[in-house]
PDB file of all heavy atoms in Angstrom:
ATOM      1  N   PRO A   1       0.790  -1.206  -0.034  1.00  0.00           N
ATOM      2  CA  PRO A   1      -0.037  -0.001   0.022  1.00  0.00           C
ATOM      3  C   PRO A   1       0.852   1.277   0.002  1.00  0.00           C
ATOM      4  O   PRO A   1       0.423   2.334  -0.377  1.00  0.00           O
ATOM      5  CB  PRO A   1      -0.786  -0.129   1.284  1.00  0.00           C
ATOM      6  CG  PRO A   1       0.097  -0.959   2.221  1.00  0.00           C
ATOM      7  CD  PRO A   1       0.836  -1.888   1.339  1.00  0.00           C
ATOM      8  N   HIS A   2       2.115   1.160   0.421  1.00  0.00           N
ATOM      9  CA  HIS A   2       2.898   2.399   0.437  1.00  0.00           C
ATOM     10  C   HIS A   2       4.416   2.076   0.651  1.00  0.00           C
ATOM     11  O   HIS A   2       4.954   2.212   1.777  1.00  0.00           O
ATOM     12  CB  HIS A   2       2.453   3.330   1.604  1.00  0.00           C
ATOM     13  CG  HIS A   2       1.951   2.668   2.802  1.00  0.00           C
ATOM     14  ND1 HIS A   2       2.783   1.913   3.657  1.00  0.00           N
ATOM     15  CD2 HIS A   2       0.714   2.581   3.367  1.00  0.00           C
ATOM     16  CE1 HIS A   2       2.095   1.424   4.591  1.00  0.00           C
ATOM     17  NE2 HIS A   2       0.854   1.841   4.559  1.00  0.00           N
ATOM     18  N   GLU A   3       5.036   1.606  -0.443  1.00  0.00           N
ATOM     19  CA  GLU A   3       6.465   1.404  -0.420  1.00  0.00           C
ATOM     20  C   GLU A   3       7.196   2.648  -0.877  1.00  0.00           C
ATOM     21  O   GLU A   3       7.196   2.993  -2.090  1.00  0.00           O
ATOM     22  CB  GLU A   3       6.819   0.207  -1.312  1.00  0.00           C
ATOM     23  CG  GLU A   3       8.348  -0.122  -1.353  1.00  0.00           C
ATOM     24  CD  GLU A   3       8.691  -1.142  -2.389  1.00  0.00           C
ATOM     25  OE1 GLU A   3       7.734  -1.822  -2.882  1.00  0.00           O
ATOM     26  OE2 GLU A   3       9.843  -1.303  -2.691  1.00  0.00           O
ATOM     27  N   VAL A   4       7.832   3.374   0.005  1.00  0.00           N
ATOM     28  CA  VAL A   4       8.515   4.613  -0.373  1.00  0.00           C
ATOM     29  C   VAL A   4       9.854   4.305  -1.004  1.00  0.00           C
ATOM     30  O   VAL A   4      10.657   3.490  -0.512  1.00  0.00           O
ATOM     31  CB  VAL A   4       8.750   5.502   0.918  1.00  0.00           C
ATOM     32  CG1 VAL A   4       9.497   6.747   0.530  1.00  0.00           C
ATOM     33  CG2 VAL A   4       7.383   5.854   1.533  1.00  0.00           C
ATOM     34  N   LEU A   5      10.076   4.919  -2.157  1.00  0.00           N
ATOM     35  CA  LEU A   5      11.259   4.696  -2.934  1.00  0.00           C
ATOM     36  C   LEU A   5      12.185   5.950  -2.719  1.00  0.00           C
ATOM     37  O   LEU A   5      11.718   6.985  -2.290  1.00  0.00           O
ATOM     38  CB  LEU A   5      10.996   4.524  -4.407  1.00  0.00           C
ATOM     39  CG  LEU A   5      10.049   3.347  -4.758  1.00  0.00           C
ATOM     40  CD1 LEU A   5       9.723   3.358  -6.270  1.00  0.00           C
ATOM     41  CD2 LEU A   5      10.700   2.043  -4.357  1.00  0.00           C
ATOM     42  N   PRO A   6      13.456   5.866  -3.116  1.00  0.00           N
ATOM     43  CA  PRO A   6      14.293   7.024  -2.997  1.00  0.00           C
ATOM     44  C   PRO A   6      13.748   8.163  -3.820  1.00  0.00           C
ATOM     45  O   PRO A   6      13.103   7.953  -4.866  1.00  0.00           O
ATOM     46  CB  PRO A   6      15.642   6.581  -3.591  1.00  0.00           C
ATOM     47  CG  PRO A   6      15.657   5.084  -3.394  1.00  0.00           C
ATOM     48  CD  PRO A   6      14.231   4.652  -3.538  1.00  0.00           C
ATOM     49  N   PRO A   7      13.886   9.424  -3.362  1.00  0.00           N
ATOM     50  CA  PRO A   7      13.378  10.580  -4.108  1.00  0.00           C
ATOM     51  C   PRO A   7      13.904  10.527  -5.560  1.00  0.00           C
ATOM     52  O   PRO A   7      15.050  10.210  -5.810  1.00  0.00           O
ATOM     53  CB  PRO A   7      13.850  11.800  -3.349  1.00  0.00           C
ATOM     54  CG  PRO A   7      14.128  11.261  -1.991  1.00  0.00           C
ATOM     55  CD  PRO A   7      14.563   9.836  -2.173  1.00  0.00           C
ATOM     56  N   LEU A   8      13.049  11.003  -6.514  1.00  0.00           N
ATOM     57  CA  LEU A   8      13.439  11.081  -7.915  1.00  0.00           C
ATOM     58  C   LEU A   8      13.978  12.478  -8.126  1.00  0.00           C
ATOM     59  O   LEU A   8      13.279  13.458  -8.004  1.00  0.00           O
ATOM     60  CB  LEU A   8      12.242  10.816  -8.815  1.00  0.00           C
ATOM     61  CG  LEU A   8      12.477  10.703 -10.300  1.00  0.00           C
ATOM     62  CD1 LEU A   8      13.430   9.621 -10.648  1.00  0.00           C
ATOM     63  CD2 LEU A   8      11.113  10.538 -11.049  1.00  0.00           C
ATOM     64  N   GLN A   9      15.333  12.538  -8.462  1.00  0.00           N
ATOM     65  CA  GLN A   9      15.936  13.852  -8.660  1.00  0.00           C
ATOM     66  C   GLN A   9      15.475  14.481  -9.992  1.00  0.00           C
ATOM     67  O   GLN A   9      15.259  13.800 -10.942  1.00  0.00           O
ATOM     68  CB  GLN A   9      17.469  13.658  -8.641  1.00  0.00           C
ATOM     69  CG  GLN A   9      18.046  13.094  -7.332  1.00  0.00           C
ATOM     70  CD  GLN A   9      17.583  13.890  -6.087  1.00  0.00           C
ATOM     71  OE1 GLN A   9      17.673  15.105  -6.137  1.00  0.00           O
ATOM     72  NE2 GLN A   9      17.105  13.225  -5.067  1.00  0.00           N
ATOM     73  N   ILE A  10      15.403  15.775  -9.958  1.00  0.00           N
ATOM     74  CA  ILE A  10      15.027  16.523 -11.137  1.00  0.00           C
ATOM     75  C   ILE A  10      16.253  16.963 -11.914  1.00  0.00           C
ATOM     76  O   ILE A  10      17.156  17.529 -11.328  1.00  0.00           O
ATOM     77  CB  ILE A  10      14.212  17.754 -10.739  1.00  0.00           C
ATOM     78  CG1 ILE A  10      12.925  17.353  -9.958  1.00  0.00           C
ATOM     79  CG2 ILE A  10      13.798  18.594 -11.969  1.00  0.00           C
ATOM     80  CD1 ILE A  10      12.136  18.454  -9.349  1.00  0.00           C
ATOM     81  N   PRO A  11      16.358  16.615 -13.150  1.00  0.00           N
ATOM     82  CA  PRO A  11      17.602  16.923 -13.911  1.00  0.00           C
ATOM     83  C   PRO A  11      17.884  18.439 -13.897  1.00  0.00           C
ATOM     84  O   PRO A  11      16.934  19.268 -13.867  1.00  0.00           O
ATOM     85  CB  PRO A  11      17.253  16.469 -15.373  1.00  0.00           C
ATOM     86  CG  PRO A  11      16.198  15.435 -15.197  1.00  0.00           C
ATOM     87  CD  PRO A  11      15.390  15.832 -13.980  1.00  0.00           C
ATOM     88  N   GLN A  12      19.125  18.771 -13.795  1.00  0.00           N
ATOM     89  CA  GLN A  12      19.577  20.161 -13.698  1.00  0.00           C
ATOM     90  C   GLN A  12      19.065  20.914 -15.001  1.00  0.00           C
ATOM     91  O   GLN A  12      19.158  20.387 -16.106  1.00  0.00           O
ATOM     92  CB  GLN A  12      21.066  20.281 -13.613  1.00  0.00           C
ATOM     93  CG  GLN A  12      21.562  21.684 -13.399  1.00  0.00           C
ATOM     94  CD  GLN A  12      23.043  21.714 -13.132  1.00  0.00           C
ATOM     95  OE1 GLN A  12      23.702  20.724 -13.179  1.00  0.00           O
ATOM     96  NE2 GLN A  12      23.584  22.916 -12.807  1.00  0.00           N
ATOM     97  N   GLY A  13      18.600  22.092 -14.737  1.00  0.00           N
ATOM     98  CA  GLY A  13      18.147  22.970 -15.903  1.00  0.00           C
ATOM     99  C   GLY A  13      16.706  22.758 -16.319  1.00  0.00           C
ATOM    100  O   GLY A  13      16.267  23.426 -17.243  1.00  0.00           O
ATOM    101  N   VAL A  14      15.961  21.858 -15.640  1.00  0.00           N
ATOM    102  CA  VAL A  14      14.555  21.738 -15.911  1.00  0.00           C
ATOM    103  C   VAL A  14      13.778  21.900 -14.646  1.00  0.00           C
ATOM    104  O   VAL A  14      14.327  21.855 -13.531  1.00  0.00           O
ATOM    105  CB  VAL A  14      14.217  20.374 -16.584  1.00  0.00           C
ATOM    106  CG1 VAL A  14      14.867  20.181 -17.885  1.00  0.00           C
ATOM    107  CG2 VAL A  14      14.515  19.212 -15.683  1.00  0.00           C
ATOM    108  N   GLN A  15      12.517  22.102 -14.785  1.00  0.00           N
ATOM    109  CA  GLN A  15      11.628  22.424 -13.631  1.00  0.00           C
ATOM    110  C   GLN A  15      10.236  21.820 -13.829  1.00  0.00           C
ATOM    111  O   GLN A  15       9.765  21.616 -14.974  1.00  0.00           O
ATOM    112  CB  GLN A  15      11.503  23.891 -13.466  1.00  0.00           C
ATOM    113  CG  GLN A  15      10.936  24.612 -14.666  1.00  0.00           C
ATOM    114  CD  GLN A  15      10.994  26.118 -14.582  1.00  0.00           C
ATOM    115  OE1 GLN A  15      10.996  26.688 -13.452  1.00  0.00           O
ATOM    116  NE2 GLN A  15      11.018  26.795 -15.725  1.00  0.00           N
ATOM    117  N   PHE A  16       9.579  21.539 -12.726  1.00  0.00           N
ATOM    118  CA  PHE A  16       8.145  21.160 -12.730  1.00  0.00           C
ATOM    119  C   PHE A  16       7.374  22.302 -12.138  1.00  0.00           C
ATOM    120  O   PHE A  16       7.735  22.791 -11.054  1.00  0.00           O
ATOM    121  CB  PHE A  16       7.960  19.884 -11.919  1.00  0.00           C
ATOM    122  CG  PHE A  16       8.389  18.642 -12.582  1.00  0.00           C
ATOM    123  CD1 PHE A  16       9.623  18.019 -12.227  1.00  0.00           C
ATOM    124  CD2 PHE A  16       7.695  18.083 -13.686  1.00  0.00           C
ATOM    125  CE1 PHE A  16      10.041  16.869 -12.861  1.00  0.00           C
ATOM    126  CE2 PHE A  16       8.141  16.961 -14.330  1.00  0.00           C
ATOM    127  CZ  PHE A  16       9.335  16.331 -13.934  1.00  0.00           C
ATOM    128  N   LEU A  17       6.367  22.772 -12.846  1.00  0.00           N
ATOM    129  CA  LEU A  17       5.551  23.880 -12.456  1.00  0.00           C
ATOM    130  C   LEU A  17       4.070  23.428 -12.408  1.00  0.00           C
ATOM    131  O   LEU A  17       3.712  22.470 -13.082  1.00  0.00           O
ATOM    132  CB  LEU A  17       5.687  25.052 -13.398  1.00  0.00           C
ATOM    133  CG  LEU A  17       7.074  25.545 -13.663  1.00  0.00           C
ATOM    134  CD1 LEU A  17       7.029  26.492 -14.867  1.00  0.00           C
ATOM    135  CD2 LEU A  17       7.638  26.321 -12.455  1.00  0.00           C
ATOM    136  N   GLY A  18       3.266  24.122 -11.650  1.00  0.00           N
ATOM    137  CA  GLY A  18       1.843  23.862 -11.656  1.00  0.00           C
ATOM    138  C   GLY A  18       1.112  25.141 -12.059  1.00  0.00           C
ATOM    139  O   GLY A  18       1.479  26.233 -11.679  1.00  0.00           O
ATOM    140  N   ILE A  19       0.108  25.023 -12.873  1.00  0.00           N
ATOM    141  CA  ILE A  19      -0.753  26.154 -13.250  1.00  0.00           C
ATOM    142  C   ILE A  19      -2.179  25.825 -12.842  1.00  0.00           C
ATOM    143  O   ILE A  19      -2.786  24.889 -13.364  1.00  0.00           O
ATOM    144  CB  ILE A  19      -0.695  26.399 -14.765  1.00  0.00           C
ATOM    145  CG1 ILE A  19       0.755  26.752 -15.176  1.00  0.00           C
ATOM    146  CG2 ILE A  19      -1.543  27.638 -15.129  1.00  0.00           C
ATOM    147  CD1 ILE A  19       0.970  26.884 -16.645  1.00  0.00           C
ATOM    148  N   ASN A  20      -2.718  26.603 -11.923  1.00  0.00           N
ATOM    149  CA  ASN A  20      -4.109  26.421 -11.496  1.00  0.00           C
ATOM    150  C   ASN A  20      -5.105  26.991 -12.520  1.00  0.00           C
ATOM    151  O   ASN A  20      -5.091  28.124 -12.894  1.00  0.00           O
ATOM    152  CB  ASN A  20      -4.310  27.179 -10.154  1.00  0.00           C
ATOM    153  CG  ASN A  20      -5.673  27.012  -9.580  1.00  0.00           C
ATOM    154  OD1 ASN A  20      -6.538  26.242 -10.103  1.00  0.00           O
ATOM    155  ND2 ASN A  20      -5.929  27.794  -8.481  1.00  0.00           N
ATOM    156  N   SER A  21      -5.924  26.080 -13.047  1.00  0.00           N
ATOM    157  CA  SER A  21      -6.862  26.453 -14.066  1.00  0.00           C
ATOM    158  C   SER A  21      -8.019  27.318 -13.504  1.00  0.00           C
ATOM    159  O   SER A  21      -8.774  27.966 -14.241  1.00  0.00           O
ATOM    160  CB  SER A  21      -7.515  25.227 -14.711  1.00  0.00           C
ATOM    161  OG  SER A  21      -8.338  24.522 -13.785  1.00  0.00           O
ATOM    162  N   HIS A  22      -8.151  27.284 -12.217  1.00  0.00           N
ATOM    163  CA  HIS A  22      -9.257  27.984 -11.492  1.00  0.00           C
ATOM    164  C   HIS A  22     -10.611  27.361 -11.793  1.00  0.00           C
ATOM    165  O   HIS A  22     -11.628  28.053 -11.705  1.00  0.00           O
ATOM    166  CB  HIS A  22      -9.247  29.504 -11.695  1.00  0.00           C
ATOM    167  CG  HIS A  22      -8.434  30.206 -10.609  1.00  0.00           C
ATOM    168  ND1 HIS A  22      -8.781  30.270  -9.267  1.00  0.00           N
ATOM    169  CD2 HIS A  22      -7.254  30.864 -10.705  1.00  0.00           C
ATOM    170  CE1 HIS A  22      -7.824  30.913  -8.636  1.00  0.00           C
ATOM    171  NE2 HIS A  22      -6.910  31.267  -9.436  1.00  0.00           N
ATOM    172  N   VAL A  23     -10.616  26.122 -12.212  1.00  0.00           N
ATOM    173  CA  VAL A  23     -11.811  25.284 -12.290  1.00  0.00           C
ATOM    174  C   VAL A  23     -11.724  24.385 -11.072  1.00  0.00           C
ATOM    175  O   VAL A  23     -10.861  23.537 -10.980  1.00  0.00           O
ATOM    176  CB  VAL A  23     -11.918  24.444 -13.548  1.00  0.00           C
ATOM    177  CG1 VAL A  23     -13.146  23.574 -13.510  1.00  0.00           C
ATOM    178  CG2 VAL A  23     -11.919  25.389 -14.816  1.00  0.00           C
ATOM    179  N   LYS A  24     -12.623  24.570 -10.089  1.00  0.00           N
ATOM    180  CA  LYS A  24     -12.483  23.851  -8.835  1.00  0.00           C
ATOM    181  C   LYS A  24     -12.764  22.402  -8.988  1.00  0.00           C
ATOM    182  O   LYS A  24     -13.644  21.995  -9.666  1.00  0.00           O
ATOM    183  CB  LYS A  24     -13.419  24.465  -7.768  1.00  0.00           C
ATOM    184  CG  LYS A  24     -12.904  25.759  -7.191  1.00  0.00           C
ATOM    185  CD  LYS A  24     -13.542  26.072  -5.899  1.00  0.00           C
ATOM    186  CE  LYS A  24     -12.893  27.315  -5.249  1.00  0.00           C
ATOM    187  NZ  LYS A  24     -13.459  27.554  -3.883  1.00  0.00           N
ATOM    188  N   HIS A  25     -11.950  21.580  -8.325  1.00  0.00           N
ATOM    189  CA  HIS A  25     -12.101  20.136  -8.342  1.00  0.00           C
ATOM    190  C   HIS A  25     -12.352  19.665  -6.885  1.00  0.00           C
ATOM    191  O   HIS A  25     -12.023  20.365  -5.919  1.00  0.00           O
ATOM    192  CB  HIS A  25     -10.846  19.478  -8.863  1.00  0.00           C
ATOM    193  CG  HIS A  25     -10.086  18.585  -7.945  1.00  0.00           C
ATOM    194  ND1 HIS A  25     -10.031  17.275  -8.046  1.00  0.00           N
ATOM    195  CD2 HIS A  25      -9.399  18.973  -6.813  1.00  0.00           C
ATOM    196  CE1 HIS A  25      -9.317  16.770  -7.023  1.00  0.00           C
ATOM    197  NE2 HIS A  25      -8.904  17.771  -6.311  1.00  0.00           N
ATOM    198  N   SER A  26     -12.946  18.487  -6.707  1.00  0.00           N
ATOM    199  CA  SER A  26     -13.118  17.947  -5.406  1.00  0.00           C
ATOM    200  C   SER A  26     -12.989  16.378  -5.416  1.00  0.00           C
ATOM    201  O   SER A  26     -13.565  15.730  -6.232  1.00  0.00           O
ATOM    202  CB  SER A  26     -14.526  18.297  -4.827  1.00  0.00           C
ATOM    203  OG  SER A  26     -14.796  17.632  -3.677  1.00  0.00           O
ATOM    204  N   VAL A  27     -12.157  15.894  -4.504  1.00  0.00           N
ATOM    205  CA  VAL A  27     -11.978  14.410  -4.387  1.00  0.00           C
ATOM    206  C   VAL A  27     -13.292  13.798  -3.951  1.00  0.00           C
ATOM    207  O   VAL A  27     -13.560  12.632  -4.221  1.00  0.00           O
ATOM    208  CB  VAL A  27     -10.818  14.108  -3.395  1.00  0.00           C
ATOM    209  CG1 VAL A  27     -10.777  12.649  -3.013  1.00  0.00           C
ATOM    210  CG2 VAL A  27      -9.494  14.459  -4.081  1.00  0.00           C
ATOM    211  N   ALA A  28     -14.120  14.520  -3.218  1.00  0.00           N
ATOM    212  CA  ALA A  28     -15.393  13.979  -2.757  1.00  0.00           C
ATOM    213  C   ALA A  28     -16.457  14.005  -3.861  1.00  0.00           C
ATOM    214  O   ALA A  28     -17.533  13.554  -3.634  1.00  0.00           O
ATOM    215  CB  ALA A  28     -15.879  14.773  -1.543  1.00  0.00           C
ATOM    216  N   ALA A  29     -16.157  14.526  -5.047  1.00  0.00           N
ATOM    217  CA  ALA A  29     -17.107  14.754  -6.111  1.00  0.00           C
ATOM    218  C   ALA A  29     -17.557  13.351  -6.631  1.00  0.00           C
ATOM    219  O   ALA A  29     -16.780  12.362  -6.582  1.00  0.00           O
ATOM    220  CB  ALA A  29     -16.552  15.607  -7.201  1.00  0.00           C
ATOM    221  N   SER A  30     -18.727  13.306  -7.280  1.00  0.00           N
ATOM    222  CA  SER A  30     -19.207  12.030  -7.709  1.00  0.00           C
ATOM    223  C   SER A  30     -18.436  11.405  -8.836  1.00  0.00           C
ATOM    224  O   SER A  30     -18.308  10.168  -8.945  1.00  0.00           O
ATOM    225  CB  SER A  30     -20.720  12.237  -8.191  1.00  0.00           C
ATOM    226  OG  SER A  30     -20.791  13.166  -9.220  1.00  0.00           O
ATOM    227  N   ALA A  31     -17.849  12.181  -9.764  1.00  0.00           N
ATOM    228  CA  ALA A  31     -17.150  11.615 -10.905  1.00  0.00           C
ATOM    229  C   ALA A  31     -15.896  10.911 -10.400  1.00  0.00           C
ATOM    230  O   ALA A  31     -15.565   9.771 -10.879  1.00  0.00           O
ATOM    231  CB  ALA A  31     -16.761  12.734 -11.878  1.00  0.00           C
ATOM    232  N   TYR A  32     -15.167  11.461  -9.517  1.00  0.00           N
ATOM    233  CA  TYR A  32     -13.989  10.818  -8.876  1.00  0.00           C
ATOM    234  C   TYR A  32     -14.346   9.523  -8.259  1.00  0.00           C
ATOM    235  O   TYR A  32     -13.783   8.443  -8.425  1.00  0.00           O
ATOM    236  CB  TYR A  32     -13.267  11.776  -7.923  1.00  0.00           C
ATOM    237  CG  TYR A  32     -12.139  11.194  -7.181  1.00  0.00           C
ATOM    238  CD1 TYR A  32     -10.817  11.301  -7.644  1.00  0.00           C
ATOM    239  CD2 TYR A  32     -12.332  10.428  -6.018  1.00  0.00           C
ATOM    240  CE1 TYR A  32      -9.761  10.688  -6.935  1.00  0.00           C
ATOM    241  CE2 TYR A  32     -11.246   9.859  -5.312  1.00  0.00           C
ATOM    242  CZ  TYR A  32      -9.989  10.003  -5.801  1.00  0.00           C
ATOM    243  OH  TYR A  32      -8.942   9.409  -5.124  1.00  0.00           O
ATOM    244  N   THR A  33     -15.358   9.543  -7.384  1.00  0.00           N
ATOM    245  CA  THR A  33     -15.806   8.385  -6.692  1.00  0.00           C
ATOM    246  C   THR A  33     -16.245   7.279  -7.617  1.00  0.00           C
ATOM    247  O   THR A  33     -15.977   6.086  -7.470  1.00  0.00           O
ATOM    248  CB  THR A  33     -16.947   8.715  -5.678  1.00  0.00           C
ATOM    249  OG1 THR A  33     -16.464   9.789  -4.813  1.00  0.00           O
ATOM    250  CG2 THR A  33     -17.320   7.523  -4.866  1.00  0.00           C
ATOM    251  N   ALA A  34     -17.024   7.663  -8.706  1.00  0.00           N
ATOM    252  CA  ALA A  34     -17.560   6.655  -9.666  1.00  0.00           C
ATOM    253  C   ALA A  34     -16.403   6.020 -10.405  1.00  0.00           C
ATOM    254  O   ALA A  34     -16.368   4.772 -10.598  1.00  0.00           O
ATOM    255  CB  ALA A  34     -18.448   7.353 -10.642  1.00  0.00           C
ATOM    256  N   THR A  35     -15.319   6.786 -10.781  1.00  0.00           N
ATOM    257  CA  THR A  35     -14.221   6.269 -11.454  1.00  0.00           C
ATOM    258  C   THR A  35     -13.407   5.284 -10.554  1.00  0.00           C
ATOM    259  O   THR A  35     -13.010   4.167 -11.024  1.00  0.00           O
ATOM    260  CB  THR A  35     -13.238   7.358 -11.981  1.00  0.00           C
ATOM    261  OG1 THR A  35     -13.986   8.168 -12.903  1.00  0.00           O
ATOM    262  CG2 THR A  35     -12.030   6.808 -12.647  1.00  0.00           C
ATOM    263  N   ARG A  36     -13.254   5.697  -9.359  1.00  0.00           N
ATOM    264  CA  ARG A  36     -12.558   4.830  -8.388  1.00  0.00           C
ATOM    265  C   ARG A  36     -13.337   3.440  -8.225  1.00  0.00           C
ATOM    266  O   ARG A  36     -12.767   2.370  -8.297  1.00  0.00           O
ATOM    267  CB  ARG A  36     -12.371   5.499  -7.050  1.00  0.00           C
ATOM    268  CG  ARG A  36     -11.804   4.600  -5.995  1.00  0.00           C
ATOM    269  CD  ARG A  36     -11.456   5.263  -4.735  1.00  0.00           C
ATOM    270  NE  ARG A  36     -10.950   4.322  -3.705  1.00  0.00           N
ATOM    271  CZ  ARG A  36     -10.023   4.571  -2.820  1.00  0.00           C
ATOM    272  NH1 ARG A  36      -9.448   5.680  -2.737  1.00  0.00           N
ATOM    273  NH2 ARG A  36      -9.648   3.633  -1.921  1.00  0.00           N
ATOM    274  N   CYS A  37     -14.664   3.583  -8.007  1.00  0.00           N
ATOM    275  CA  CYS A  37     -15.441   2.405  -7.798  1.00  0.00           C
ATOM    276  C   CYS A  37     -15.424   1.492  -9.054  1.00  0.00           C
ATOM    277  O   CYS A  37     -15.297   0.248  -8.907  1.00  0.00           O
ATOM    278  CB  CYS A  37     -16.847   2.823  -7.531  1.00  0.00           C
ATOM    279  SG  CYS A  37     -17.885   1.555  -6.813  1.00  0.00           S
ATOM    280  N   ALA A  38     -15.451   2.098 -10.223  1.00  0.00           N
ATOM    281  CA  ALA A  38     -15.412   1.356 -11.478  1.00  0.00           C
ATOM    282  C   ALA A  38     -14.104   0.592 -11.610  1.00  0.00           C
ATOM    283  O   ALA A  38     -14.066  -0.539 -12.080  1.00  0.00           O
ATOM    284  CB  ALA A  38     -15.607   2.238 -12.677  1.00  0.00           C
ATOM    285  N   ALA A  39     -13.002   1.154 -11.146  1.00  0.00           N
ATOM    286  CA  ALA A  39     -11.673   0.500 -11.283  1.00  0.00           C
ATOM    287  C   ALA A  39     -11.639  -0.756 -10.347  1.00  0.00           C
ATOM    288  O   ALA A  39     -11.163  -1.786 -10.765  1.00  0.00           O
ATOM    289  CB  ALA A  39     -10.545   1.468 -10.861  1.00  0.00           C
ATOM    290  N   PHE A  40     -12.237  -0.630  -9.202  1.00  0.00           N
ATOM    291  CA  PHE A  40     -12.297  -1.815  -8.311  1.00  0.00           C
ATOM    292  C   PHE A  40     -13.289  -2.842  -8.753  1.00  0.00           C
ATOM    293  O   PHE A  40     -13.062  -4.064  -8.573  1.00  0.00           O
ATOM    294  CB  PHE A  40     -12.564  -1.394  -6.866  1.00  0.00           C
ATOM    295  CG  PHE A  40     -11.373  -0.819  -6.138  1.00  0.00           C
ATOM    296  CD1 PHE A  40     -11.163   0.524  -6.097  1.00  0.00           C
ATOM    297  CD2 PHE A  40     -10.419  -1.654  -5.551  1.00  0.00           C
ATOM    298  CE1 PHE A  40     -10.030   1.050  -5.452  1.00  0.00           C
ATOM    299  CE2 PHE A  40      -9.345  -1.127  -4.934  1.00  0.00           C
ATOM    300  CZ  PHE A  40      -9.102   0.204  -4.849  1.00  0.00           C
ATOM    301  N   MET A  41     -14.326  -2.391  -9.460  1.00  0.00           N
ATOM    302  CA  MET A  41     -15.278  -3.355 -10.058  1.00  0.00           C
ATOM    303  C   MET A  41     -14.522  -4.104 -11.192  1.00  0.00           C
ATOM    304  O   MET A  41     -14.724  -5.353 -11.315  1.00  0.00           O
ATOM    305  CB  MET A  41     -16.483  -2.608 -10.613  1.00  0.00           C
ATOM    306  CG  MET A  41     -17.362  -1.968  -9.513  1.00  0.00           C
ATOM    307  SD  MET A  41     -18.487  -0.748 -10.118  1.00  0.00           S
ATOM    308  CE  MET A  41     -19.735  -1.730 -10.863  1.00  0.00           C
ATOM    309  N   ALA A  42     -13.736  -3.409 -11.985  1.00  0.00           N
ATOM    310  CA  ALA A  42     -12.950  -4.058 -13.045  1.00  0.00           C
ATOM    311  C   ALA A  42     -11.998  -5.111 -12.496  1.00  0.00           C
ATOM    312  O   ALA A  42     -11.880  -6.219 -13.030  1.00  0.00           O
ATOM    313  CB  ALA A  42     -12.194  -3.012 -13.871  1.00  0.00           C
TER     314      ALA A  42
END
């Protein structure tokens, strides 16, 4: 359920960024829950 691996180093000269779309999401939302449930059904 949670095997922690050594951190993955980021190559020099590159970066990871995040851009917030300002479309709100929720883990409690029905689409997320339905997809999760469907995966376990599969």
